[in-house]
Amino acid sequence: MEKVLVTGASGFIAIHCINELLKAGYSVKGSLRNLRRENEVRKSIEDPTRNQKLEFCKLELLEDEGWDEAAFDCDYLLHIASPFTIEEPKKEALLINPALEGTLRALNAAKKSSKLKKVVLTSSMAAIAYGHTKQLCSTEDWTDTSKEVGAYVKSKTIAEKAAWDFLNTDSKNSFSLTTIHPGMVFGPLLNDDIDGASAELISKMINGKFPALPDAYFTVVDVRDVAKLHVESLKNNKSDNKRIIATSPKGINIMEISKILRKNGYNKSPQNFIPTKMINSLAPFNKEMKSMAAMVNRGSYGADITETISIYNWEPIPLEKTLIDMANSLKQILSK
């Protein structure tokens, strides 16, 4: 039985990937910063009989300890762990350093392993679509980090560039690499952790915590689709050494999301926009407003997903199903 190392095993995307891997017959080693979260991950396994194929190890993005041992008996590596926050941190290094160093530690461990065949790295549309005004983004595009793009966007771009540099200077061709680029990831939660950025956004929307919304667009994707693309990439040679866009072909305005939620009975979802002038005037004095202004001023853009559809025969889950499944799972968690 082939084994897959999954970093950041308690995260929103990682838990869906673990379920998908177990369903596909792999055994899984999940890395956690805190091993006390093991039970929480085990409870999120949809078929409890598969728990025997799941083991855990402790890894830190900023520490060398344990990486080589974690990877040595694995056939594949899904490197998903990376810090994510919508709010701007006090120092951008708080996001950039763990994203960059964690990626390099994962790739070095893969290189040292004589067994590991492929690494699938969770990147983001953040590494493709910002710092420029391109209306249709493709895998040829890179975010321009010399522009005001925010710490998270910068962290994903820098970490992914470092991964490709690593691959290109690896004379042994130790493993192949695929990077997956989701937009904003929505969909049902499999555990009770609602601290993630998208869960926090939707839970605040359905509970009336936002009086108004910024006039912002982002491309969106279902977490179940993201997990399937990660897992299918392991054996799909057509994805070797490619960047794979996993998101909607068109940007969705955040008000569109609110309308879908209202239509489905979540009546507290906002109906008004925050004036863009106000966001732009506050941006120089407020870090949160600065990253919001960057998103608002980027406007709507699309993504070319033709290659993803052809490589994986991908049929994305409809947005309405994604949002309702997520809102319903949040409602269930919040009513406990």
C-alpha atoms as a PDB file:
ATOM      1  CA  MET A   1       0.000   0.000   0.000  1.00  0.00           C
ATOM      2  CA  GLU A   2       1.415   3.392  -0.995  1.00  0.00           C
ATOM      3  CA  LYS A   3       1.809   6.005   1.724  1.00  0.00           C
ATOM      4  CA  VAL A   4       1.319   9.768   1.455  1.00  0.00           C
ATOM      5  CA  LEU A   5       2.753  12.365   3.843  1.00  0.00           C
ATOM      6  CA  VAL A   6       0.242  15.229   4.278  1.00  0.00           C
ATOM      7  CA  THR A   7       1.585  18.348   6.035  1.00  0.00           C
ATOM      8  CA  GLY A   8      -0.714  20.544   8.118  1.00  0.00           C
ATOM      9  CA  ALA A   9      -3.125  17.632   8.596  1.00  0.00           C
ATOM     10  CA  SER A  10      -5.688  19.550  10.689  1.00  0.00           C
ATOM     11  CA  GLY A  11      -6.292  22.248   8.048  1.00  0.00           C
ATOM     12  CA  PHE A  12      -9.472  22.701   6.001  1.00  0.00           C
ATOM     13  CA  ILE A  13      -7.999  21.499   2.676  1.00  0.00           C
ATOM     14  CA  ALA A  14      -5.767  18.849   4.295  1.00  0.00           C
ATOM     15  CA  ILE A  15      -8.642  17.078   6.081  1.00  0.00           C
ATOM     16  CA  HIS A  16     -10.521  16.776   2.778  1.00  0.00           C
ATOM     17  CA  CYS A  17      -7.322  15.506   1.095  1.00  0.00           C
ATOM     18  CA  ILE A  18      -6.820  12.885   3.830  1.00  0.00           C
ATOM     19  CA  ASN A  19     -10.393  11.616   3.379  1.00  0.00           C
ATOM     20  CA  GLU A  20      -9.897  11.488  -0.390  1.00  0.00           C
ATOM     21  CA  LEU A  21      -6.578   9.625  -0.041  1.00  0.00           C
ATOM     22  CA  LEU A  22      -8.023   7.025   2.348  1.00  0.00           C
ATOM     23  CA  LYS A  23     -10.988   6.548   0.014  1.00  0.00           C
ATOM     24  CA  ALA A  24      -8.545   5.956  -2.871  1.00  0.00           C
ATOM     25  CA  GLY A  25      -6.741   3.221  -0.899  1.00  0.00           C
ATOM     26  CA  TYR A  26      -3.598   5.064   0.241  1.00  0.00           C
ATOM     27  CA  SER A  27      -2.305   5.015   3.784  1.00  0.00           C
ATOM     28  CA  VAL A  28      -1.638   8.485   5.205  1.00  0.00           C
ATOM     29  CA  LYS A  29       0.883  10.061   7.560  1.00  0.00           C
ATOM     30  CA  GLY A  30      -0.386  13.448   8.702  1.00  0.00           C
ATOM     31  CA  SER A  31       1.923  16.050  10.191  1.00  0.00           C
ATOM     32  CA  LEU A  32       0.723  18.288  13.034  1.00  0.00           C
ATOM     33  CA  ARG A  33       2.366  21.108  14.952  1.00  0.00           C
ATOM     34  CA  ASN A  34       0.496  19.894  18.012  1.00  0.00           C
ATOM     35  CA  LEU A  35      -0.102  16.152  18.314  1.00  0.00           C
ATOM     36  CA  ARG A  36      -3.009  16.830  20.679  1.00  0.00           C
ATOM     37  CA  ARG A  37      -5.051  17.578  17.547  1.00  0.00           C
ATOM     38  CA  GLU A  38      -4.778  13.944  16.396  1.00  0.00           C
ATOM     39  CA  ASN A  39      -8.223  12.971  17.763  1.00  0.00           C
ATOM     40  CA  GLU A  40      -9.849  15.946  16.071  1.00  0.00           C
ATOM     41  CA  VAL A  41      -8.482  14.797  12.699  1.00  0.00           C
ATOM     42  CA  ARG A  42      -9.456  11.169  13.343  1.00  0.00           C
ATOM     43  CA  LYS A  43     -13.043  12.235  14.128  1.00  0.00           C
ATOM     44  CA  SER A  44     -13.246  13.979  10.741  1.00  0.00           C
ATOM     45  CA  ILE A  45     -12.612  10.739   8.803  1.00  0.00           C
ATOM     46  CA  GLU A  46     -15.898  10.031   7.044  1.00  0.00           C
ATOM     47  CA  ASP A  47     -15.451   6.234   7.239  1.00  0.00           C
ATOM     48  CA  PRO A  48     -14.063   5.432  10.744  1.00  0.00           C
ATOM     49  CA  THR A  49     -12.857   1.981   9.587  1.00  0.00           C
ATOM     50  CA  ARG A  50     -10.190   3.762   7.540  1.00  0.00           C
ATOM     51  CA  ASN A  51      -8.607   5.256  10.678  1.00  0.00           C
ATOM     52  CA  GLN A  52      -6.186   2.315  10.929  1.00  0.00           C
ATOM     53  CA  LYS A  53      -4.504   3.550   7.718  1.00  0.00           C
ATOM     54  CA  LEU A  54      -3.794   6.931   9.339  1.00  0.00           C
ATOM     55  CA  GLU A  55      -0.767   7.825  11.470  1.00  0.00           C
ATOM     56  CA  PHE A  56       0.676  11.122  12.690  1.00  0.00           C
ATOM     57  CA  CYS A  57       4.022  12.842  13.187  1.00  0.00           C
ATOM     58  CA  LYS A  58       5.056  16.220  14.601  1.00  0.00           C
ATOM     59  CA  LEU A  59       6.537  18.791  12.206  1.00  0.00           C
ATOM     60  CA  GLU A  60       7.119  22.539  12.418  1.00  0.00           C
ATOM     61  CA  LEU A  61       7.546  24.685   9.303  1.00  0.00           C
ATOM     62  CA  LEU A  62      10.349  26.643  10.977  1.00  0.00           C
ATOM     63  CA  GLU A  63      12.250  23.700  12.485  1.00  0.00           C
ATOM     64  CA  ASP A  64      14.416  21.018  10.834  1.00  0.00           C
ATOM     65  CA  GLU A  65      13.551  18.294  13.308  1.00  0.00           C
ATOM     66  CA  GLY A  66      11.584  15.304  12.021  1.00  0.00           C
ATOM     67  CA  TRP A  67      11.251  16.140   8.312  1.00  0.00           C
ATOM     68  CA  ASP A  68      13.601  13.461   6.942  1.00  0.00           C
ATOM     69  CA  GLU A  69      12.119  10.774   9.213  1.00  0.00           C
ATOM     70  CA  ALA A  70       8.590  11.801   8.226  1.00  0.00           C
ATOM     71  CA  ALA A  71       9.289  11.485   4.491  1.00  0.00           C
ATOM     72  CA  PHE A  72      11.604   8.450   4.359  1.00  0.00           C
ATOM     73  CA  ASP A  73       8.881   5.737   4.160  1.00  0.00           C
ATOM     74  CA  CYS A  74       6.410   7.710   2.018  1.00  0.00           C
ATOM     75  CA  ASP A  75       5.785   7.386  -1.718  1.00  0.00           C
ATOM     76  CA  TYR A  76       4.258  10.848  -2.149  1.00  0.00           C
ATOM     77  CA  LEU A  77       4.053  14.174  -0.328  1.00  0.00           C
ATOM     78  CA  LEU A  78       1.194  16.671  -0.240  1.00  0.00           C
ATOM     79  CA  HIS A  79       2.691  19.857   1.178  1.00  0.00           C
ATOM     80  CA  ILE A  80      -0.370  21.821   2.271  1.00  0.00           C
ATOM     81  CA  ALA A  81       0.790  23.472   5.512  1.00  0.00           C
ATOM     82  CA  SER A  82       1.219  27.246   5.159  1.00  0.00           C
ATOM     83  CA  PRO A  83       0.058  30.087   7.402  1.00  0.00           C
ATOM     84  CA  PHE A  84      -3.028  31.969   6.163  1.00  0.00           C
ATOM     85  CA  THR A  85      -4.712  35.005   7.632  1.00  0.00           C
ATOM     86  CA  ILE A  86      -6.940  37.621   5.996  1.00  0.00           C
ATOM     87  CA  GLU A  87      -5.682  40.278   8.414  1.00  0.00           C
ATOM     88  CA  GLU A  88      -2.286  41.740   7.664  1.00  0.00           C
ATOM     89  CA  PRO A  89       0.300  40.623  10.263  1.00  0.00           C
ATOM     90  CA  LYS A  90       2.450  43.188  12.099  1.00  0.00           C
ATOM     91  CA  LYS A  91       5.459  41.913  10.135  1.00  0.00           C
ATOM     92  CA  GLU A  92       5.133  40.201   6.752  1.00  0.00           C
ATOM     93  CA  ALA A  93       7.951  37.797   7.737  1.00  0.00           C
ATOM     94  CA  LEU A  94       5.466  36.103  10.107  1.00  0.00           C
ATOM     95  CA  LEU A  95       3.746  34.681   7.007  1.00  0.00           C
ATOM     96  CA  ILE A  96       6.604  34.634   4.496  1.00  0.00           C
ATOM     97  CA  ASN A  97       9.219  32.772   6.584  1.00  0.00           C
ATOM     98  CA  PRO A  98       7.079  29.714   7.513  1.00  0.00           C
ATOM     99  CA  ALA A  99       5.664  29.461   3.957  1.00  0.00           C
ATOM    100  CA  LEU A 100       9.121  29.627   2.344  1.00  0.00           C
ATOM    101  CA  GLU A 101      11.109  27.609   4.890  1.00  0.00           C
ATOM    102  CA  GLY A 102       8.383  24.951   5.248  1.00  0.00           C
ATOM    103  CA  THR A 103       8.314  24.458   1.469  1.00  0.00           C
ATOM    104  CA  LEU A 104      12.103  24.077   1.294  1.00  0.00           C
ATOM    105  CA  ARG A 105      12.151  21.656   4.257  1.00  0.00           C
ATOM    106  CA  ALA A 106       9.457  19.528   2.568  1.00  0.00           C
ATOM    107  CA  LEU A 107      11.344  19.463  -0.756  1.00  0.00           C
ATOM    108  CA  ASN A 108      14.687  18.681   0.899  1.00  0.00           C
ATOM    109  CA  ALA A 109      13.088  15.766   2.774  1.00  0.00           C
ATOM    110  CA  ALA A 110      11.587  14.520  -0.510  1.00  0.00           C
ATOM    111  CA  LYS A 111      14.991  14.749  -2.214  1.00  0.00           C
ATOM    112  CA  LYS A 112      16.738  12.783   0.559  1.00  0.00           C
ATOM    113  CA  SER A 113      14.138  10.008   0.419  1.00  0.00           C
ATOM    114  CA  SER A 114      15.015   7.223  -2.022  1.00  0.00           C
ATOM    115  CA  LYS A 115      11.332   6.267  -2.230  1.00  0.00           C
ATOM    116  CA  LEU A 116       9.397   9.492  -2.722  1.00  0.00           C
ATOM    117  CA  LYS A 117       8.224   9.938  -6.330  1.00  0.00           C
ATOM    118  CA  LYS A 118       6.173  13.127  -6.373  1.00  0.00           C
ATOM    119  CA  VAL A 119       5.398  16.282  -4.393  1.00  0.00           C
ATOM    120  CA  VAL A 120       2.099  18.121  -4.785  1.00  0.00           C
ATOM    121  CA  LEU A 121       2.357  21.638  -3.375  1.00  0.00           C
ATOM    122  CA  THR A 122      -0.692  23.700  -2.444  1.00  0.00           C
ATOM    123  CA  SER A 123      -0.022  27.100  -3.960  1.00  0.00           C
ATOM    124  CA  SER A 124      -2.792  29.623  -4.683  1.00  0.00           C
ATOM    125  CA  MET A 125      -4.255  32.036  -7.230  1.00  0.00           C
ATOM    126  CA  ALA A 126      -2.501  34.504  -4.922  1.00  0.00           C
ATOM    127  CA  ALA A 127       0.768  33.500  -6.651  1.00  0.00           C
ATOM    128  CA  ILE A 128      -0.687  34.209 -10.109  1.00  0.00           C
ATOM    129  CA  ALA A 129      -3.206  37.042 -10.169  1.00  0.00           C
ATOM    130  CA  TYR A 130      -1.926  40.080  -8.219  1.00  0.00           C
ATOM    131  CA  GLY A 131       0.380  43.032  -8.754  1.00  0.00           C
ATOM    132  CA  HIS A 132      -0.745  43.304 -12.402  1.00  0.00           C
ATOM    133  CA  THR A 133      -3.974  44.013 -14.287  1.00  0.00           C
ATOM    134  CA  LYS A 134      -4.260  40.958 -16.546  1.00  0.00           C
ATOM    135  CA  GLN A 135      -7.927  40.122 -17.131  1.00  0.00           C
ATOM    136  CA  LEU A 136      -7.484  36.419 -17.928  1.00  0.00           C
ATOM    137  CA  CYS A 137      -4.829  34.774 -15.802  1.00  0.00           C
ATOM    138  CA  SER A 138      -3.005  31.616 -16.852  1.00  0.00           C
ATOM    139  CA  THR A 139      -0.275  29.379 -15.444  1.00  0.00           C
ATOM    140  CA  GLU A 140       2.275  31.563 -17.265  1.00  0.00           C
ATOM    141  CA  ASP A 141       1.457  34.479 -14.958  1.00  0.00           C
ATOM    142  CA  TRP A 142       3.128  35.369 -11.676  1.00  0.00           C
ATOM    143  CA  THR A 143       2.108  37.862  -9.029  1.00  0.00           C
ATOM    144  CA  ASP A 144       4.415  40.897  -8.955  1.00  0.00           C
ATOM    145  CA  THR A 145       5.580  41.008  -5.329  1.00  0.00           C
ATOM    146  CA  SER A 146       7.262  44.397  -5.852  1.00  0.00           C
ATOM    147  CA  LYS A 147       3.745  45.888  -5.809  1.00  0.00           C
ATOM    148  CA  GLU A 148       1.510  46.395  -2.751  1.00  0.00           C
ATOM    149  CA  VAL A 149      -0.084  42.917  -2.678  1.00  0.00           C
ATOM    150  CA  GLY A 150      -0.182  42.011   1.031  1.00  0.00           C
ATOM    151  CA  ALA A 151       1.825  39.534   3.106  1.00  0.00           C
ATOM    152  CA  TYR A 152      -0.209  36.384   2.383  1.00  0.00           C
ATOM    153  CA  VAL A 153      -0.105  36.884  -1.399  1.00  0.00           C
ATOM    154  CA  LYS A 154       3.623  37.550  -1.170  1.00  0.00           C
ATOM    155  CA  SER A 155       4.213  34.451   0.986  1.00  0.00           C
ATOM    156  CA  LYS A 156       2.500  32.108  -1.506  1.00  0.00           C
ATOM    157  CA  THR A 157       4.351  33.618  -4.478  1.00  0.00           C
ATOM    158  CA  ILE A 158       7.799  33.526  -2.852  1.00  0.00           C
ATOM    159  CA  ALA A 159       7.313  29.955  -1.561  1.00  0.00           C
ATOM    160  CA  GLU A 160       6.175  28.638  -4.947  1.00  0.00           C
ATOM    161  CA  LYS A 161       8.977  30.356  -6.864  1.00  0.00           C
ATOM    162  CA  ALA A 162      11.443  28.776  -4.435  1.00  0.00           C
ATOM    163  CA  ALA A 163       9.889  25.350  -5.114  1.00  0.00           C
ATOM    164  CA  TRP A 164      10.371  25.647  -8.886  1.00  0.00           C
ATOM    165  CA  ASP A 165      13.927  26.944  -8.392  1.00  0.00           C
ATOM    166  CA  PHE A 166      14.613  23.923  -6.178  1.00  0.00           C
ATOM    167  CA  LEU A 167      13.251  21.548  -8.827  1.00  0.00           C
ATOM    168  CA  ASN A 168      15.214  23.216 -11.642  1.00  0.00           C
ATOM    169  CA  THR A 169      18.518  22.945  -9.765  1.00  0.00           C
ATOM    170  CA  ASP A 170      17.949  19.321  -8.679  1.00  0.00           C
ATOM    171  CA  SER A 171      20.317  17.554 -11.071  1.00  0.00           C
ATOM    172  CA  LYS A 172      19.185  14.120  -9.854  1.00  0.00           C
ATOM    173  CA  ASN A 173      15.519  14.750 -10.841  1.00  0.00           C
ATOM    174  CA  SER A 174      14.685  13.163  -7.488  1.00  0.00           C
ATOM    175  CA  PHE A 175      10.912  13.686  -7.812  1.00  0.00           C
ATOM    176  CA  SER A 176       8.298  15.425  -9.952  1.00  0.00           C
ATOM    177  CA  LEU A 177       6.311  18.447  -8.742  1.00  0.00           C
ATOM    178  CA  THR A 178       2.785  19.723  -9.304  1.00  0.00           C
ATOM    179  CA  THR A 179       1.537  22.996  -7.821  1.00  0.00           C
ATOM    180  CA  ILE A 180      -2.215  23.415  -7.303  1.00  0.00           C
ATOM    181  CA  HIS A 181      -3.657  26.944  -7.425  1.00  0.00           C
ATOM    182  CA  PRO A 182      -7.063  27.295  -5.759  1.00  0.00           C
ATOM    183  CA  GLY A 183      -8.945  30.577  -5.588  1.00  0.00           C
ATOM    184  CA  MET A 184     -10.951  31.265  -2.412  1.00  0.00           C
ATOM    185  CA  VAL A 185     -11.808  27.795  -1.062  1.00  0.00           C
ATOM    186  CA  PHE A 186     -15.329  27.157   0.212  1.00  0.00           C
ATOM    187  CA  GLY A 187     -17.272  23.973   1.013  1.00  0.00           C
ATOM    188  CA  PRO A 188     -18.388  21.812   3.945  1.00  0.00           C
ATOM    189  CA  LEU A 189     -16.288  21.571   7.093  1.00  0.00           C
ATOM    190  CA  LEU A 190     -15.459  18.056   8.297  1.00  0.00           C
ATOM    191  CA  ASN A 191     -14.422  19.160  11.797  1.00  0.00           C
ATOM    192  CA  ASP A 192     -15.452  21.897  14.258  1.00  0.00           C
ATOM    193  CA  ASP A 193     -12.555  24.247  13.495  1.00  0.00           C
ATOM    194  CA  ILE A 194     -14.119  27.452  12.150  1.00  0.00           C
ATOM    195  CA  ASP A 195     -10.988  29.608  12.492  1.00  0.00           C
ATOM    196  CA  GLY A 196     -10.020  29.296   8.814  1.00  0.00           C
ATOM    197  CA  ALA A 197     -10.358  32.375   6.615  1.00  0.00           C
ATOM    198  CA  SER A 198     -13.240  31.177   4.417  1.00  0.00           C
ATOM    199  CA  ALA A 199     -15.147  29.573   7.338  1.00  0.00           C
ATOM    200  CA  GLU A 200     -14.799  32.801   9.315  1.00  0.00           C
ATOM    201  CA  LEU A 201     -16.006  34.856   6.334  1.00  0.00           C
ATOM    202  CA  ILE A 202     -19.134  32.750   5.682  1.00  0.00           C
ATOM    203  CA  SER A 203     -19.995  32.347   9.368  1.00  0.00           C
ATOM    204  CA  LYS A 204     -19.817  36.141   9.871  1.00  0.00           C
ATOM    205  CA  MET A 205     -21.955  36.672   6.760  1.00  0.00           C
ATOM    206  CA  ILE A 206     -24.724  34.229   7.799  1.00  0.00           C
ATOM    207  CA  ASN A 207     -24.745  35.529  11.378  1.00  0.00           C
ATOM    208  CA  GLY A 208     -25.103  39.189  10.392  1.00  0.00           C
ATOM    209  CA  LYS A 209     -21.680  40.195  11.760  1.00  0.00           C
ATOM    210  CA  PHE A 210     -20.894  42.268   8.647  1.00  0.00           C
ATOM    211  CA  PRO A 211     -23.080  45.373   8.188  1.00  0.00           C
ATOM    212  CA  ALA A 212     -21.654  45.739   4.659  1.00  0.00           C
ATOM    213  CA  LEU A 213     -19.146  44.129   2.287  1.00  0.00           C
ATOM    214  CA  PRO A 214     -16.254  45.431   0.173  1.00  0.00           C
ATOM    215  CA  ASP A 215     -16.929  45.539  -3.578  1.00  0.00           C
ATOM    216  CA  ALA A 216     -14.374  42.773  -4.120  1.00  0.00           C
ATOM    217  CA  TYR A 217     -14.102  39.901  -6.595  1.00  0.00           C
ATOM    218  CA  PHE A 218     -12.276  36.600  -6.237  1.00  0.00           C
ATOM    219  CA  THR A 219     -12.301  33.323  -8.076  1.00  0.00           C
ATOM    220  CA  VAL A 220     -13.763  30.487  -5.993  1.00  0.00           C
ATOM    221  CA  VAL A 221     -13.548  26.698  -5.758  1.00  0.00           C
ATOM    222  CA  ASP A 222     -15.058  23.842  -3.743  1.00  0.00           C
ATOM    223  CA  VAL A 223     -12.703  22.238  -1.193  1.00  0.00           C
ATOM    224  CA  ARG A 224     -13.821  18.780  -2.417  1.00  0.00           C
ATOM    225  CA  ASP A 225     -12.636  19.643  -5.925  1.00  0.00           C
ATOM    226  CA  VAL A 226      -9.318  20.923  -4.569  1.00  0.00           C
ATOM    227  CA  ALA A 227      -8.802  17.665  -2.629  1.00  0.00           C
ATOM    228  CA  LYS A 228      -9.640  15.520  -5.687  1.00  0.00           C
ATOM    229  CA  LEU A 229      -7.173  17.430  -7.865  1.00  0.00           C
ATOM    230  CA  HIS A 230      -4.433  16.991  -5.243  1.00  0.00           C
ATOM    231  CA  VAL A 231      -5.009  13.249  -5.024  1.00  0.00           C
ATOM    232  CA  GLU A 232      -5.432  12.697  -8.782  1.00  0.00           C
ATOM    233  CA  SER A 233      -2.153  14.566  -9.378  1.00  0.00           C
ATOM    234  CA  LEU A 234      -0.180  11.858  -7.551  1.00  0.00           C
ATOM    235  CA  LYS A 235      -0.601   9.346 -10.388  1.00  0.00           C
ATOM    236  CA  ASN A 236      -1.524  11.627 -13.297  1.00  0.00           C
ATOM    237  CA  ASN A 237       1.746  12.024 -15.218  1.00  0.00           C
ATOM    238  CA  LYS A 238       0.232  14.764 -17.376  1.00  0.00           C
ATOM    239  CA  SER A 239       0.357  17.007 -14.307  1.00  0.00           C
ATOM    240  CA  ASP A 240       4.087  16.399 -13.699  1.00  0.00           C
ATOM    241  CA  ASN A 241       6.072  19.626 -13.293  1.00  0.00           C
ATOM    242  CA  LYS A 242       3.030  21.786 -14.034  1.00  0.00           C
ATOM    243  CA  ARG A 243       1.124  24.580 -12.325  1.00  0.00           C
ATOM    244  CA  ILE A 244      -2.558  23.625 -12.148  1.00  0.00           C
ATOM    245  CA  ILE A 245      -5.261  26.289 -11.770  1.00  0.00           C
ATOM    246  CA  ALA A 246      -8.136  25.056  -9.598  1.00  0.00           C
ATOM    247  CA  THR A 247     -10.769  27.765  -9.489  1.00  0.00           C
ATOM    248  CA  SER A 248     -13.777  29.317 -11.225  1.00  0.00           C
ATOM    249  CA  PRO A 249     -13.069  30.680 -14.725  1.00  0.00           C
ATOM    250  CA  LYS A 250     -14.701  34.007 -13.742  1.00  0.00           C
ATOM    251  CA  GLY A 251     -14.339  36.246 -10.721  1.00  0.00           C
ATOM    252  CA  ILE A 252     -17.336  36.236  -8.366  1.00  0.00           C
ATOM    253  CA  ASN A 253     -18.346  39.396  -6.525  1.00  0.00           C
ATOM    254  CA  ILE A 254     -18.681  38.853  -2.783  1.00  0.00           C
ATOM    255  CA  MET A 255     -22.247  40.263  -3.000  1.00  0.00           C
ATOM    256  CA  GLU A 256     -23.120  37.390  -5.363  1.00  0.00           C
ATOM    257  CA  ILE A 257     -22.146  35.008  -2.549  1.00  0.00           C
ATOM    258  CA  SER A 258     -24.298  36.959  -0.107  1.00  0.00           C
ATOM    259  CA  LYS A 259     -27.282  36.811  -2.509  1.00  0.00           C
ATOM    260  CA  ILE A 260     -26.982  33.019  -2.826  1.00  0.00           C
ATOM    261  CA  LEU A 261     -26.902  32.704   0.976  1.00  0.00           C
ATOM    262  CA  ARG A 262     -29.963  34.981   1.371  1.00  0.00           C
ATOM    263  CA  LYS A 263     -31.855  33.072  -1.329  1.00  0.00           C
ATOM    264  CA  ASN A 264     -31.282  29.899   0.698  1.00  0.00           C
ATOM    265  CA  GLY A 265     -32.657  31.274   3.955  1.00  0.00           C
ATOM    266  CA  TYR A 266     -29.593  32.965   5.459  1.00  0.00           C
ATOM    267  CA  ASN A 267     -31.354  36.321   5.735  1.00  0.00           C
ATOM    268  CA  LYS A 268     -28.724  38.082   7.840  1.00  0.00           C
ATOM    269  CA  SER A 269     -26.230  38.074   4.950  1.00  0.00           C
ATOM    270  CA  PRO A 270     -25.313  41.672   3.995  1.00  0.00           C
ATOM    271  CA  GLN A 271     -27.017  43.607   1.202  1.00  0.00           C
ATOM    272  CA  ASN A 272     -24.844  46.745   1.128  1.00  0.00           C
ATOM    273  CA  PHE A 273     -21.332  47.625  -0.008  1.00  0.00           C
ATOM    274  CA  ILE A 274     -18.711  49.520   2.007  1.00  0.00           C
ATOM    275  CA  PRO A 275     -17.931  52.565  -0.182  1.00  0.00           C
ATOM    276  CA  THR A 276     -14.648  51.900  -2.019  1.00  0.00           C
ATOM    277  CA  LYS A 277     -13.619  55.544  -1.433  1.00  0.00           C
ATOM    278  CA  MET A 278     -13.758  54.888   2.311  1.00  0.00           C
ATOM    279  CA  ILE A 279     -11.603  51.735   2.020  1.00  0.00           C
ATOM    280  CA  ASN A 280      -9.013  53.575  -0.084  1.00  0.00           C
ATOM    281  CA  SER A 281      -8.898  56.575   2.236  1.00  0.00           C
ATOM    282  CA  LEU A 282      -8.346  54.348   5.301  1.00  0.00           C
ATOM    283  CA  ALA A 283      -5.799  52.033   3.599  1.00  0.00           C
ATOM    284  CA  PRO A 284      -2.687  54.160   4.332  1.00  0.00           C
ATOM    285  CA  PHE A 285      -3.470  54.076   8.085  1.00  0.00           C
ATOM    286  CA  ASN A 286      -4.872  50.571   8.561  1.00  0.00           C
ATOM    287  CA  LYS A 287      -3.186  47.290   7.537  1.00  0.00           C
ATOM    288  CA  GLU A 288      -6.472  45.399   7.220  1.00  0.00           C
ATOM    289  CA  MET A 289      -7.898  48.122   4.973  1.00  0.00           C
ATOM    290  CA  LYS A 290      -4.673  48.088   2.936  1.00  0.00           C
ATOM    291  CA  SER A 291      -5.079  44.414   1.954  1.00  0.00           C
ATOM    292  CA  MET A 292      -8.830  44.955   1.391  1.00  0.00           C
ATOM    293  CA  ALA A 293      -8.047  47.912  -0.879  1.00  0.00           C
ATOM    294  CA  ALA A 294      -5.599  45.770  -2.894  1.00  0.00           C
ATOM    295  CA  MET A 295      -8.341  43.196  -3.472  1.00  0.00           C
ATOM    296  CA  VAL A 296     -11.045  45.769  -4.290  1.00  0.00           C
ATOM    297  CA  ASN A 297      -8.805  47.722  -6.664  1.00  0.00           C
ATOM    298  CA  ARG A 298      -7.752  44.530  -8.470  1.00  0.00           C
ATOM    299  CA  GLY A 299     -11.366  44.248  -9.705  1.00  0.00           C
ATOM    300  CA  SER A 300     -12.719  41.201 -11.488  1.00  0.00           C
ATOM    301  CA  TYR A 301     -10.412  38.843 -13.358  1.00  0.00           C
ATOM    302  CA  GLY A 302     -10.804  35.384 -14.874  1.00  0.00           C
ATOM    303  CA  ALA A 303      -8.692  32.231 -14.884  1.00  0.00           C
ATOM    304  CA  ASP A 304      -7.873  29.942 -17.801  1.00  0.00           C
ATOM    305  CA  ILE A 305      -8.814  26.441 -16.584  1.00  0.00           C
ATOM    306  CA  THR A 306      -8.835  24.690 -19.988  1.00  0.00           C
ATOM    307  CA  GLU A 307      -5.694  22.678 -19.198  1.00  0.00           C
ATOM    308  CA  THR A 308      -7.058  21.580 -15.804  1.00  0.00           C
ATOM    309  CA  ILE A 309     -10.278  20.368 -17.426  1.00  0.00           C
ATOM    310  CA  SER A 310      -8.344  18.417 -20.073  1.00  0.00           C
ATOM    311  CA  ILE A 311      -5.754  16.848 -17.720  1.00  0.00           C
ATOM    312  CA  TYR A 312      -8.253  15.761 -15.049  1.00  0.00           C
ATOM    313  CA  ASN A 313     -11.559  15.714 -16.939  1.00  0.00           C
ATOM    314  CA  TRP A 314     -12.629  18.132 -14.197  1.00  0.00           C
ATOM    315  CA  GLU A 315     -16.258  19.184 -13.736  1.00  0.00           C
ATOM    316  CA  PRO A 316     -16.331  21.791 -10.950  1.00  0.00           C
ATOM    317  CA  ILE A 317     -19.043  21.535  -8.269  1.00  0.00           C
ATOM    318  CA  PRO A 318     -21.589  24.384  -8.771  1.00  0.00           C
ATOM    319  CA  LEU A 319     -21.035  27.447  -6.563  1.00  0.00           C
ATOM    320  CA  GLU A 320     -24.512  27.335  -5.014  1.00  0.00           C
ATOM    321  CA  LYS A 321     -24.013  23.745  -3.804  1.00  0.00           C
ATOM    322  CA  THR A 322     -20.576  24.667  -2.418  1.00  0.00           C
ATOM    323  CA  LEU A 323     -21.921  27.639  -0.448  1.00  0.00           C
ATOM    324  CA  ILE A 324     -25.037  25.908   0.892  1.00  0.00           C
ATOM    325  CA  ASP A 325     -23.085  22.830   1.987  1.00  0.00           C
ATOM    326  CA  MET A 326     -20.635  25.128   3.771  1.00  0.00           C
ATOM    327  CA  ALA A 327     -23.301  27.307   5.410  1.00  0.00           C
ATOM    328  CA  ASN A 328     -25.239  24.232   6.562  1.00  0.00           C
ATOM    329  CA  SER A 329     -22.121  22.633   8.061  1.00  0.00           C
ATOM    330  CA  LEU A 330     -21.291  25.909   9.872  1.00  0.00           C
ATOM    331  CA  LYS A 331     -24.862  26.176  11.170  1.00  0.00           C
ATOM    332  CA  GLN A 332     -24.550  22.646  12.588  1.00  0.00           C
ATOM    333  CA  ILE A 333     -21.198  23.411  14.270  1.00  0.00           C
ATOM    334  CA  LEU A 334     -22.398  26.736  15.726  1.00  0.00           C
ATOM    335  CA  SER A 335     -25.578  25.157  17.150  1.00  0.00           C
ATOM    336  CA  LYS A 336     -23.590  22.589  19.206  1.00  0.00           C
END
